[in-house]
Amino acid sequence: ANAGAPGVDGVSFAQIEDQGLEAWLAGLREDLVTKTYRPD
């Protein structure tokens, strides 16, 4: 809802949803749960 430009990885909201939001959210959650998440 806040929109905004992509960050350093160049990934946009449109790209995330084109590639599959569910899989993207699942991957992000997995990184958090396994403590492997690191900010860009």
PDB file of all heavy atoms in Angstrom:
ATOM      1  N   ALA A   1       0.824  -1.211   0.000  1.00  0.00           N
ATOM      2  CA  ALA A   1       0.000   0.000   0.000  1.00  0.00           C
ATOM      3  C   ALA A   1       0.854   1.255   0.000  1.00  0.00           C
ATOM      4  O   ALA A   1       0.477   2.272  -0.582  1.00  0.00           O
ATOM      5  CB  ALA A   1      -0.938  -0.003   1.206  1.00  0.00           C
ATOM      6  N   ASN A   2       1.994   1.180   0.654  1.00  0.00           N
ATOM      7  CA  ASN A   2       2.903   2.336   0.694  1.00  0.00           C
ATOM      8  C   ASN A   2       3.740   2.460  -0.581  1.00  0.00           C
ATOM      9  O   ASN A   2       4.443   3.471  -0.753  1.00  0.00           O
ATOM     10  CB  ASN A   2       3.830   2.237   1.906  1.00  0.00           C
ATOM     11  CG  ASN A   2       3.084   2.466   3.211  1.00  0.00           C
ATOM     12  OD1 ASN A   2       2.126   3.234   3.261  1.00  0.00           O
ATOM     13  ND2 ASN A   2       3.520   1.799   4.266  1.00  0.00           N
ATOM     14  N   ALA A   3       3.690   1.431  -1.411  1.00  0.00           N
ATOM     15  CA  ALA A   3       4.411   1.416  -2.691  1.00  0.00           C
ATOM     16  C   ALA A   3       5.904   1.672  -2.447  1.00  0.00           C
ATOM     17  O   ALA A   3       6.511   1.088  -1.578  1.00  0.00           O
ATOM     18  CB  ALA A   3       3.802   2.416  -3.660  1.00  0.00           C
ATOM     19  N   GLY A   4       6.492   2.550  -3.187  1.00  0.00           N
ATOM     20  CA  GLY A   4       7.912   2.825  -3.047  1.00  0.00           C
ATOM     21  C   GLY A   4       8.753   2.094  -4.077  1.00  0.00           C
ATOM     22  O   GLY A   4       8.355   1.068  -4.644  1.00  0.00           O
ATOM     23  N   ALA A   5       9.931   2.626  -4.311  1.00  0.00           N
ATOM     24  CA  ALA A   5      10.836   2.076  -5.315  1.00  0.00           C
ATOM     25  C   ALA A   5      11.532   0.820  -4.795  1.00  0.00           C
ATOM     26  O   ALA A   5      11.611   0.594  -3.589  1.00  0.00           O
ATOM     27  CB  ALA A   5      11.872   3.128  -5.709  1.00  0.00           C
ATOM     28  N   PRO A   6      12.053   0.004  -5.697  1.00  0.00           N
ATOM     29  CA  PRO A   6      12.816  -1.179  -5.266  1.00  0.00           C
ATOM     30  C   PRO A   6      14.091  -0.777  -4.531  1.00  0.00           C
ATOM     31  O   PRO A   6      14.590   0.336  -4.674  1.00  0.00           O
ATOM     32  CB  PRO A   6      13.142  -1.893  -6.585  1.00  0.00           C
ATOM     33  CG  PRO A   6      12.164  -1.353  -7.580  1.00  0.00           C
ATOM     34  CD  PRO A   6      11.877   0.052  -7.156  1.00  0.00           C
ATOM     35  N   GLY A   7      14.622  -1.720  -3.748  1.00  0.00           N
ATOM     36  CA  GLY A   7      15.879  -1.499  -3.055  1.00  0.00           C
ATOM     37  C   GLY A   7      17.063  -1.896  -3.913  1.00  0.00           C
ATOM     38  O   GLY A   7      16.984  -1.930  -5.146  1.00  0.00           O
ATOM     39  N   VAL A   8      18.173  -2.228  -3.267  1.00  0.00           N
ATOM     40  CA  VAL A   8      19.401  -2.529  -4.001  1.00  0.00           C
ATOM     41  C   VAL A   8      19.285  -3.782  -4.849  1.00  0.00           C
ATOM     42  O   VAL A   8      20.022  -3.941  -5.829  1.00  0.00           O
ATOM     43  CB  VAL A   8      20.599  -2.670  -3.027  1.00  0.00           C
ATOM     44  CG1 VAL A   8      20.886  -1.361  -2.318  1.00  0.00           C
ATOM     45  CG2 VAL A   8      20.365  -3.797  -2.014  1.00  0.00           C
ATOM     46  N   ASP A   9      18.365  -4.689  -4.517  1.00  0.00           N
ATOM     47  CA  ASP A   9      18.216  -5.920  -5.303  1.00  0.00           C
ATOM     48  C   ASP A   9      17.392  -5.722  -6.565  1.00  0.00           C
ATOM     49  O   ASP A   9      17.324  -6.613  -7.411  1.00  0.00           O
ATOM     50  CB  ASP A   9      17.624  -7.043  -4.459  1.00  0.00           C
ATOM     51  CG  ASP A   9      16.233  -6.698  -3.909  1.00  0.00           C
ATOM     52  OD1 ASP A   9      15.737  -5.582  -4.174  1.00  0.00           O
ATOM     53  OD2 ASP A   9      15.652  -7.553  -3.204  1.00  0.00           O
ATOM     54  N   GLY A  10      16.747  -4.549  -6.692  1.00  0.00           N
ATOM     55  CA  GLY A  10      15.959  -4.249  -7.880  1.00  0.00           C
ATOM     56  C   GLY A  10      14.628  -4.964  -7.970  1.00  0.00           C
ATOM     57  O   GLY A  10      13.926  -4.862  -8.981  1.00  0.00           O
ATOM     58  N   VAL A  11      14.244  -5.696  -6.936  1.00  0.00           N
ATOM     59  CA  VAL A  11      13.008  -6.476  -6.953  1.00  0.00           C
ATOM     60  C   VAL A  11      11.823  -5.563  -6.647  1.00  0.00           C
ATOM     61  O   VAL A  11      11.811  -4.859  -5.633  1.00  0.00           O
ATOM     62  CB  VAL A  11      13.072  -7.626  -5.941  1.00  0.00           C
ATOM     63  CG1 VAL A  11      11.746  -8.383  -5.904  1.00  0.00           C
ATOM     64  CG2 VAL A  11      14.207  -8.578  -6.296  1.00  0.00           C
ATOM     65  N   SER A  12      10.803  -5.587  -7.505  1.00  0.00           N
ATOM     66  CA  SER A  12       9.605  -4.779  -7.333  1.00  0.00           C
ATOM     67  C   SER A  12       8.452  -5.645  -6.847  1.00  0.00           C
ATOM     68  O   SER A  12       8.522  -6.882  -6.875  1.00  0.00           O
ATOM     69  CB  SER A  12       9.222  -4.104  -8.648  1.00  0.00           C
ATOM     70  OG  SER A  12       8.840  -5.078  -9.620  1.00  0.00           O
ATOM     71  N   PHE A  13       7.369  -5.009  -6.420  1.00  0.00           N
ATOM     72  CA  PHE A  13       6.178  -5.749  -6.006  1.00  0.00           C
ATOM     73  C   PHE A  13       5.601  -6.550  -7.170  1.00  0.00           C
ATOM     74  O   PHE A  13       5.138  -7.680  -6.987  1.00  0.00           O
ATOM     75  CB  PHE A  13       5.122  -4.784  -5.460  1.00  0.00           C
ATOM     76  CG  PHE A  13       5.467  -4.205  -4.122  1.00  0.00           C
ATOM     77  CD1 PHE A  13       5.928  -2.902  -4.008  1.00  0.00           C
ATOM     78  CD2 PHE A  13       5.331  -4.962  -2.970  1.00  0.00           C
ATOM     79  CE1 PHE A  13       6.240  -2.360  -2.772  1.00  0.00           C
ATOM     80  CE2 PHE A  13       5.644  -4.432  -1.717  1.00  0.00           C
ATOM     81  CZ  PHE A  13       6.111  -3.121  -1.625  1.00  0.00           C
ATOM     82  N   ALA A  14       5.629  -5.974  -8.362  1.00  0.00           N
ATOM     83  CA  ALA A  14       5.106  -6.673  -9.541  1.00  0.00           C
ATOM     84  C   ALA A  14       5.879  -7.964  -9.797  1.00  0.00           C
ATOM     85  O   ALA A  14       5.282  -9.007 -10.111  1.00  0.00           O
ATOM     86  CB  ALA A  14       5.167  -5.758 -10.758  1.00  0.00           C
ATOM     87  N   GLN A  15       7.194  -7.917  -9.642  1.00  0.00           N
ATOM     88  CA  GLN A  15       8.003  -9.112  -9.855  1.00  0.00           C
ATOM     89  C   GLN A  15       7.695 -10.183  -8.822  1.00  0.00           C
ATOM     90  O   GLN A  15       7.614 -11.373  -9.149  1.00  0.00           O
ATOM     91  CB  GLN A  15       9.490  -8.753  -9.811  1.00  0.00           C
ATOM     92  CG  GLN A  15       9.973  -7.951 -11.009  1.00  0.00           C
ATOM     93  CD  GLN A  15      11.414  -7.510 -10.851  1.00  0.00           C
ATOM     94  OE1 GLN A  15      11.770  -6.828  -9.895  1.00  0.00           O
ATOM     95  NE2 GLN A  15      12.262  -7.898 -11.778  1.00  0.00           N
ATOM     96  N   ILE A  16       7.523  -9.763  -7.573  1.00  0.00           N
ATOM     97  CA  ILE A  16       7.208 -10.723  -6.512  1.00  0.00           C
ATOM     98  C   ILE A  16       5.902 -11.440  -6.821  1.00  0.00           C
ATOM     99  O   ILE A  16       5.806 -12.665  -6.710  1.00  0.00           O
ATOM    100  CB  ILE A  16       7.129 -10.001  -5.147  1.00  0.00           C
ATOM    101  CG1 ILE A  16       8.523  -9.524  -4.723  1.00  0.00           C
ATOM    102  CG2 ILE A  16       6.535 -10.921  -4.084  1.00  0.00           C
ATOM    103  CD1 ILE A  16       8.521  -8.646  -3.485  1.00  0.00           C
ATOM    104  N   GLU A  17       4.887 -10.697  -7.230  1.00  0.00           N
ATOM    105  CA  GLU A  17       3.589 -11.306  -7.475  1.00  0.00           C
ATOM    106  C   GLU A  17       3.571 -12.097  -8.775  1.00  0.00           C
ATOM    107  O   GLU A  17       2.846 -13.087  -8.876  1.00  0.00           O
ATOM    108  CB  GLU A  17       2.521 -10.219  -7.446  1.00  0.00           C
ATOM    109  CG  GLU A  17       2.454  -9.525  -6.088  1.00  0.00           C
ATOM    110  CD  GLU A  17       1.266  -8.637  -5.877  1.00  0.00           C
ATOM    111  OE1 GLU A  17       0.415  -8.568  -6.791  1.00  0.00           O
ATOM    112  OE2 GLU A  17       1.171  -8.005  -4.800  1.00  0.00           O
ATOM    113  N   ASP A  18       4.362 -11.694  -9.733  1.00  0.00           N
ATOM    114  CA  ASP A  18       4.466 -12.479 -10.968  1.00  0.00           C
ATOM    115  C   ASP A  18       5.099 -13.838 -10.713  1.00  0.00           C
ATOM    116  O   ASP A  18       4.713 -14.857 -11.298  1.00  0.00           O
ATOM    117  CB  ASP A  18       5.276 -11.719 -12.018  1.00  0.00           C
ATOM    118  CG  ASP A  18       4.506 -10.562 -12.624  1.00  0.00           C
ATOM    119  OD1 ASP A  18       3.263 -10.516 -12.470  1.00  0.00           O
ATOM    120  OD2 ASP A  18       5.146  -9.681 -13.237  1.00  0.00           O
ATOM    121  N   GLN A  19       6.077 -13.853  -9.819  1.00  0.00           N
ATOM    122  CA  GLN A  19       6.802 -15.092  -9.526  1.00  0.00           C
ATOM    123  C   GLN A  19       6.111 -15.945  -8.459  1.00  0.00           C
ATOM    124  O   GLN A  19       6.493 -17.079  -8.242  1.00  0.00           O
ATOM    125  CB  GLN A  19       8.232 -14.765  -9.111  1.00  0.00           C
ATOM    126  CG  GLN A  19       9.052 -14.115 -10.223  1.00  0.00           C
ATOM    127  CD  GLN A  19      10.403 -13.599  -9.745  1.00  0.00           C
ATOM    128  OE1 GLN A  19      10.823 -13.861  -8.608  1.00  0.00           O
ATOM    129  NE2 GLN A  19      11.090 -12.859 -10.613  1.00  0.00           N
ATOM    130  N   GLY A  20       5.102 -15.366  -7.781  1.00  0.00           N
ATOM    131  CA  GLY A  20       4.348 -16.124  -6.786  1.00  0.00           C
ATOM    132  C   GLY A  20       4.534 -15.574  -5.385  1.00  0.00           C
ATOM    133  O   GLY A  20       5.575 -15.803  -4.760  1.00  0.00           O
ATOM    134  N   LEU A  21       3.532 -14.852  -4.894  1.00  0.00           N
ATOM    135  CA  LEU A  21       3.617 -14.227  -3.576  1.00  0.00           C
ATOM    136  C   LEU A  21       3.706 -15.267  -2.464  1.00  0.00           C
ATOM    137  O   LEU A  21       4.461 -15.102  -1.503  1.00  0.00           O
ATOM    138  CB  LEU A  21       2.408 -13.310  -3.350  1.00  0.00           C
ATOM    139  CG  LEU A  21       2.282 -12.672  -1.966  1.00  0.00           C
ATOM    140  CD1 LEU A  21       3.508 -11.825  -1.645  1.00  0.00           C
ATOM    141  CD2 LEU A  21       1.007 -11.841  -1.865  1.00  0.00           C
ATOM    142  N   GLU A  22       2.931 -16.354  -2.589  1.00  0.00           N
ATOM    143  CA  GLU A  22       2.906 -17.362  -1.539  1.00  0.00           C
ATOM    144  C   GLU A  22       4.284 -17.964  -1.321  1.00  0.00           C
ATOM    145  O   GLU A  22       4.744 -18.132  -0.190  1.00  0.00           O
ATOM    146  CB  GLU A  22       1.893 -18.459  -1.891  1.00  0.00           C
ATOM    147  CG  GLU A  22       0.456 -17.975  -1.992  1.00  0.00           C
ATOM    148  CD  GLU A  22      -0.029 -17.359  -0.692  1.00  0.00           C
ATOM    149  OE1 GLU A  22       0.350 -17.891   0.374  1.00  0.00           O
ATOM    150  OE2 GLU A  22      -0.775 -16.354  -0.744  1.00  0.00           O
ATOM    151  N   ALA A  23       4.959 -18.297  -2.416  1.00  0.00           N
ATOM    152  CA  ALA A  23       6.295 -18.868  -2.305  1.00  0.00           C
ATOM    153  C   ALA A  23       7.282 -17.859  -1.729  1.00  0.00           C
ATOM    154  O   ALA A  23       8.169 -18.213  -0.937  1.00  0.00           O
ATOM    155  CB  ALA A  23       6.769 -19.356  -3.673  1.00  0.00           C
ATOM    156  N   TRP A  24       7.125 -16.589  -2.127  1.00  0.00           N
ATOM    157  CA  TRP A  24       8.013 -15.537  -1.628  1.00  0.00           C
ATOM    158  C   TRP A  24       7.849 -15.362  -0.124  1.00  0.00           C
ATOM    159  O   TRP A  24       8.847 -15.273   0.616  1.00  0.00           O
ATOM    160  CB  TRP A  24       7.710 -14.231  -2.362  1.00  0.00           C
ATOM    161  CG  TRP A  24       8.670 -13.123  -2.060  1.00  0.00           C
ATOM    162  CD1 TRP A  24       9.858 -12.859  -2.683  1.00  0.00           C
ATOM    163  CD2 TRP A  24       8.515 -12.114  -1.052  1.00  0.00           C
ATOM    164  NE1 TRP A  24      10.454 -11.748  -2.137  1.00  0.00           N
ATOM    165  CE2 TRP A  24       9.648 -11.270  -1.121  1.00  0.00           C
ATOM    166  CE3 TRP A  24       7.537 -11.848  -0.103  1.00  0.00           C
ATOM    167  CZ2 TRP A  24       9.824 -10.176  -0.281  1.00  0.00           C
ATOM    168  CZ3 TRP A  24       7.712 -10.754   0.755  1.00  0.00           C
ATOM    169  CH2 TRP A  24       8.838  -9.947   0.654  1.00  0.00           C
ATOM    170  N   LEU A  25       6.611 -15.311   0.348  1.00  0.00           N
ATOM    171  CA  LEU A  25       6.356 -15.161   1.785  1.00  0.00           C
ATOM    172  C   LEU A  25       6.856 -16.379   2.553  1.00  0.00           C
ATOM    173  O   LEU A  25       7.419 -16.256   3.644  1.00  0.00           O
ATOM    174  CB  LEU A  25       4.864 -14.957   2.040  1.00  0.00           C
ATOM    175  CG  LEU A  25       4.290 -13.573   1.694  1.00  0.00           C
ATOM    176  CD1 LEU A  25       2.768 -13.579   1.824  1.00  0.00           C
ATOM    177  CD2 LEU A  25       4.885 -12.498   2.611  1.00  0.00           C
ATOM    178  N   ALA A  26       6.663 -17.568   1.976  1.00  0.00           N
ATOM    179  CA  ALA A  26       7.123 -18.797   2.634  1.00  0.00           C
ATOM    180  C   ALA A  26       8.645 -18.799   2.762  1.00  0.00           C
ATOM    181  O   ALA A  26       9.191 -19.208   3.795  1.00  0.00           O
ATOM    182  CB  ALA A  26       6.649 -20.020   1.852  1.00  0.00           C
ATOM    183  N   GLY A  27       9.329 -18.341   1.721  1.00  0.00           N
ATOM    184  CA  GLY A  27      10.784 -18.275   1.770  1.00  0.00           C
ATOM    185  C   GLY A  27      11.283 -17.280   2.797  1.00  0.00           C
ATOM    186  O   GLY A  27      12.255 -17.542   3.525  1.00  0.00           O
ATOM    187  N   LEU A  28      10.623 -16.150   2.873  1.00  0.00           N
ATOM    188  CA  LEU A  28      10.999 -15.140   3.853  1.00  0.00           C
ATOM    189  C   LEU A  28      10.783 -15.658   5.276  1.00  0.00           C
ATOM    190  O   LEU A  28      11.636 -15.486   6.155  1.00  0.00           O
ATOM    191  CB  LEU A  28      10.195 -13.865   3.619  1.00  0.00           C
ATOM    192  CG  LEU A  28      10.438 -12.710   4.597  1.00  0.00           C
ATOM    193  CD1 LEU A  28      11.904 -12.285   4.599  1.00  0.00           C
ATOM    194  CD2 LEU A  28       9.533 -11.517   4.265  1.00  0.00           C
ATOM    195  N   ARG A  29       9.654 -16.304   5.492  1.00  0.00           N
ATOM    196  CA  ARG A  29       9.376 -16.853   6.815  1.00  0.00           C
ATOM    197  C   ARG A  29      10.393 -17.920   7.187  1.00  0.00           C
ATOM    198  O   ARG A  29      10.844 -17.989   8.338  1.00  0.00           O
ATOM    199  CB  ARG A  29       7.953 -17.437   6.858  1.00  0.00           C
ATOM    200  CG  ARG A  29       7.546 -17.936   8.241  1.00  0.00           C
ATOM    201  CD  ARG A  29       6.085 -18.333   8.289  1.00  0.00           C
ATOM    202  NE  ARG A  29       5.713 -18.717   9.634  1.00  0.00           N
ATOM    203  CZ  ARG A  29       5.847 -19.940  10.140  1.00  0.00           C
ATOM    204  NH1 ARG A  29       6.323 -20.908   9.367  1.00  0.00           N
ATOM    205  NH2 ARG A  29       5.501 -20.198  11.396  1.00  0.00           N
ATOM    206  N   GLU A  30      10.782 -18.742   6.238  1.00  0.00           N
ATOM    207  CA  GLU A  30      11.778 -19.779   6.486  1.00  0.00           C
ATOM    208  C   GLU A  30      13.110 -19.162   6.917  1.00  0.00           C
ATOM    209  O   GLU A  30      13.759 -19.653   7.842  1.00  0.00           O
ATOM    210  CB  GLU A  30      11.962 -20.635   5.229  1.00  0.00           C
ATOM    211  CG  GLU A  30      13.020 -21.726   5.354  1.00  0.00           C
ATOM    212  CD  GLU A  30      12.639 -22.811   6.337  1.00  0.00           C
ATOM    213  OE1 GLU A  30      11.434 -22.935   6.686  1.00  0.00           O
ATOM    214  OE2 GLU A  30      13.558 -23.562   6.762  1.00  0.00           O
ATOM    215  N   ASP A  31      13.501 -18.076   6.257  1.00  0.00           N
ATOM    216  CA  ASP A  31      14.737 -17.386   6.628  1.00  0.00           C
ATOM    217  C   ASP A  31      14.664 -16.842   8.059  1.00  0.00           C
ATOM    218  O   ASP A  31      15.649 -16.886   8.803  1.00  0.00           O
ATOM    219  CB  ASP A  31      15.018 -16.232   5.659  1.00  0.00           C
ATOM    220  CG  ASP A  31      15.443 -16.723   4.284  1.00  0.00           C
ATOM    221  OD1 ASP A  31      15.799 -17.911   4.155  1.00  0.00           O
ATOM    222  OD2 ASP A  31      15.397 -15.912   3.334  1.00  0.00           O
ATOM    223  N   LEU A  32      13.492 -16.333   8.438  1.00  0.00           N
ATOM    224  CA  LEU A  32      13.334 -15.805   9.789  1.00  0.00           C
ATOM    225  C   LEU A  32      13.337 -16.920  10.827  1.00  0.00           C
ATOM    226  O   LEU A  32      14.010 -16.831  11.865  1.00  0.00           O
ATOM    227  CB  LEU A  32      12.031 -14.992   9.889  1.00  0.00           C
ATOM    228  CG  LEU A  32      12.016 -13.636   9.183  1.00  0.00           C
ATOM    229  CD1 LEU A  32      10.595 -13.086   9.111  1.00  0.00           C
ATOM    230  CD2 LEU A  32      12.928 -12.641   9.891  1.00  0.00           C
ATOM    231  N   VAL A  33      12.600 -17.972  10.563  1.00  0.00           N
ATOM    232  CA  VAL A  33      12.484 -19.070  11.518  1.00  0.00           C
ATOM    233  C   VAL A  33      13.837 -19.747  11.741  1.00  0.00           C
ATOM    234  O   VAL A  33      14.192 -20.105  12.869  1.00  0.00           O
ATOM    235  CB  VAL A  33      11.429 -20.086  11.037  1.00  0.00           C
ATOM    236  CG1 VAL A  33      11.462 -21.344  11.912  1.00  0.00           C
ATOM    237  CG2 VAL A  33      10.036 -19.459  11.068  1.00  0.00           C
ATOM    238  N   THR A  34      14.595 -19.913  10.666  1.00  0.00           N
ATOM    239  CA  THR A  34      15.891 -20.584  10.764  1.00  0.00           C
ATOM    240  C   THR A  34      17.013 -19.632  11.167  1.00  0.00           C
ATOM    241  O   THR A  34      18.180 -20.038  11.250  1.00  0.00           O
ATOM    242  CB  THR A  34      16.255 -21.234   9.426  1.00  0.00           C
ATOM    243  OG1 THR A  34      16.292 -20.231   8.394  1.00  0.00           O
ATOM    244  CG2 THR A  34      15.236 -22.308   9.067  1.00  0.00           C
ATOM    245  N   LYS A  35      16.680 -18.370  11.406  1.00  0.00           N
ATOM    246  CA  LYS A  35      17.648 -17.340  11.832  1.00  0.00           C
ATOM    247  C   LYS A  35      18.720 -17.067  10.782  1.00  0.00           C
ATOM    248  O   LYS A  35      19.842 -16.650  11.119  1.00  0.00           O
ATOM    249  CB  LYS A  35      18.316 -17.743  13.157  1.00  0.00           C
ATOM    250  CG  LYS A  35      17.378 -18.221  14.251  1.00  0.00           C
ATOM    251  CD  LYS A  35      16.464 -17.177  14.732  1.00  0.00           C
ATOM    252  CE  LYS A  35      15.704 -17.586  16.002  1.00  0.00           C
ATOM    253  NZ  LYS A  35      15.006 -18.861  15.951  1.00  0.00           N
ATOM    254  N   THR A  36      18.376 -17.322   9.517  1.00  0.00           N
ATOM    255  CA  THR A  36      19.326 -17.041   8.435  1.00  0.00           C
ATOM    256  C   THR A  36      19.038 -15.707   7.745  1.00  0.00           C
ATOM    257  O   THR A  36      19.769 -15.320   6.833  1.00  0.00           O
ATOM    258  CB  THR A  36      19.303 -18.167   7.390  1.00  0.00           C
ATOM    259  OG1 THR A  36      17.977 -18.323   6.878  1.00  0.00           O
ATOM    260  CG2 THR A  36      19.770 -19.486   8.011  1.00  0.00           C
ATOM    261  N   TYR A  37      17.991 -15.029   8.162  1.00  0.00           N
ATOM    262  CA  TYR A  37      17.673 -13.729   7.570  1.00  0.00           C
ATOM    263  C   TYR A  37      18.763 -12.711   7.871  1.00  0.00           C
ATOM    264  O   TYR A  37      19.216 -12.585   9.013  1.00  0.00           O
ATOM    265  CB  TYR A  37      16.327 -13.219   8.111  1.00  0.00           C
ATOM    266  CG  TYR A  37      16.095 -11.748   7.866  1.00  0.00           C
ATOM    267  CD1 TYR A  37      15.624 -11.289   6.638  1.00  0.00           C
ATOM    268  CD2 TYR A  37      16.369 -10.804   8.853  1.00  0.00           C
ATOM    269  CE1 TYR A  37      15.413  -9.942   6.405  1.00  0.00           C
ATOM    270  CE2 TYR A  37      16.163  -9.452   8.630  1.00  0.00           C
ATOM    271  CZ  TYR A  37      15.692  -9.030   7.409  1.00  0.00           C
ATOM    272  OH  TYR A  37      15.505  -7.695   7.183  1.00  0.00           O
ATOM    273  N   ARG A  38      19.200 -11.998   6.851  1.00  0.00           N
ATOM    274  CA  ARG A  38      20.137 -10.890   6.985  1.00  0.00           C
ATOM    275  C   ARG A  38      19.642  -9.744   6.095  1.00  0.00           C
ATOM    276  O   ARG A  38      19.306  -9.960   4.930  1.00  0.00           O
ATOM    277  CB  ARG A  38      21.553 -11.287   6.558  1.00  0.00           C
ATOM    278  CG  ARG A  38      22.171 -12.392   7.400  1.00  0.00           C
ATOM    279  CD  ARG A  38      22.450 -11.933   8.832  1.00  0.00           C
ATOM    280  NE  ARG A  38      23.118 -12.970   9.613  1.00  0.00           N
ATOM    281  CZ  ARG A  38      22.488 -13.950  10.259  1.00  0.00           C
ATOM    282  NH1 ARG A  38      21.169 -14.040  10.216  1.00  0.00           N
ATOM    283  NH2 ARG A  38      23.165 -14.856  10.944  1.00  0.00           N
ATOM    284  N   PRO A  39      19.585  -8.547   6.616  1.00  0.00           N
ATOM    285  CA  PRO A  39      19.108  -7.427   5.785  1.00  0.00           C
ATOM    286  C   PRO A  39      20.094  -7.081   4.682  1.00  0.00           C
ATOM    287  O   PRO A  39      21.310  -7.232   4.833  1.00  0.00           O
ATOM    288  CB  PRO A  39      18.968  -6.279   6.787  1.00  0.00           C
ATOM    289  CG  PRO A  39      19.906  -6.621   7.905  1.00  0.00           C
ATOM    290  CD  PRO A  39      19.919  -8.120   7.987  1.00  0.00           C
ATOM    291  N   ASP A  40      19.554  -6.606   3.570  1.00  0.00           N
ATOM    292  CA  ASP A  40      20.371  -6.118   2.463  1.00  0.00           C
ATOM    293  C   ASP A  40      20.826  -4.689   2.748  1.00  0.00           C
ATOM    294  O   ASP A  40      20.262  -4.004   3.611  1.00  0.00           O
ATOM    295  CB  ASP A  40      19.563  -6.144   1.166  1.00  0.00           C
ATOM    296  CG  ASP A  40      19.189  -7.552   0.742  1.00  0.00           C
ATOM    297  OD1 ASP A  40      20.106  -8.366   0.596  1.00  0.00           O
ATOM    298  OD2 ASP A  40      17.978  -7.822   0.561  1.00  0.00           O
TER     299      ASP A  40
END
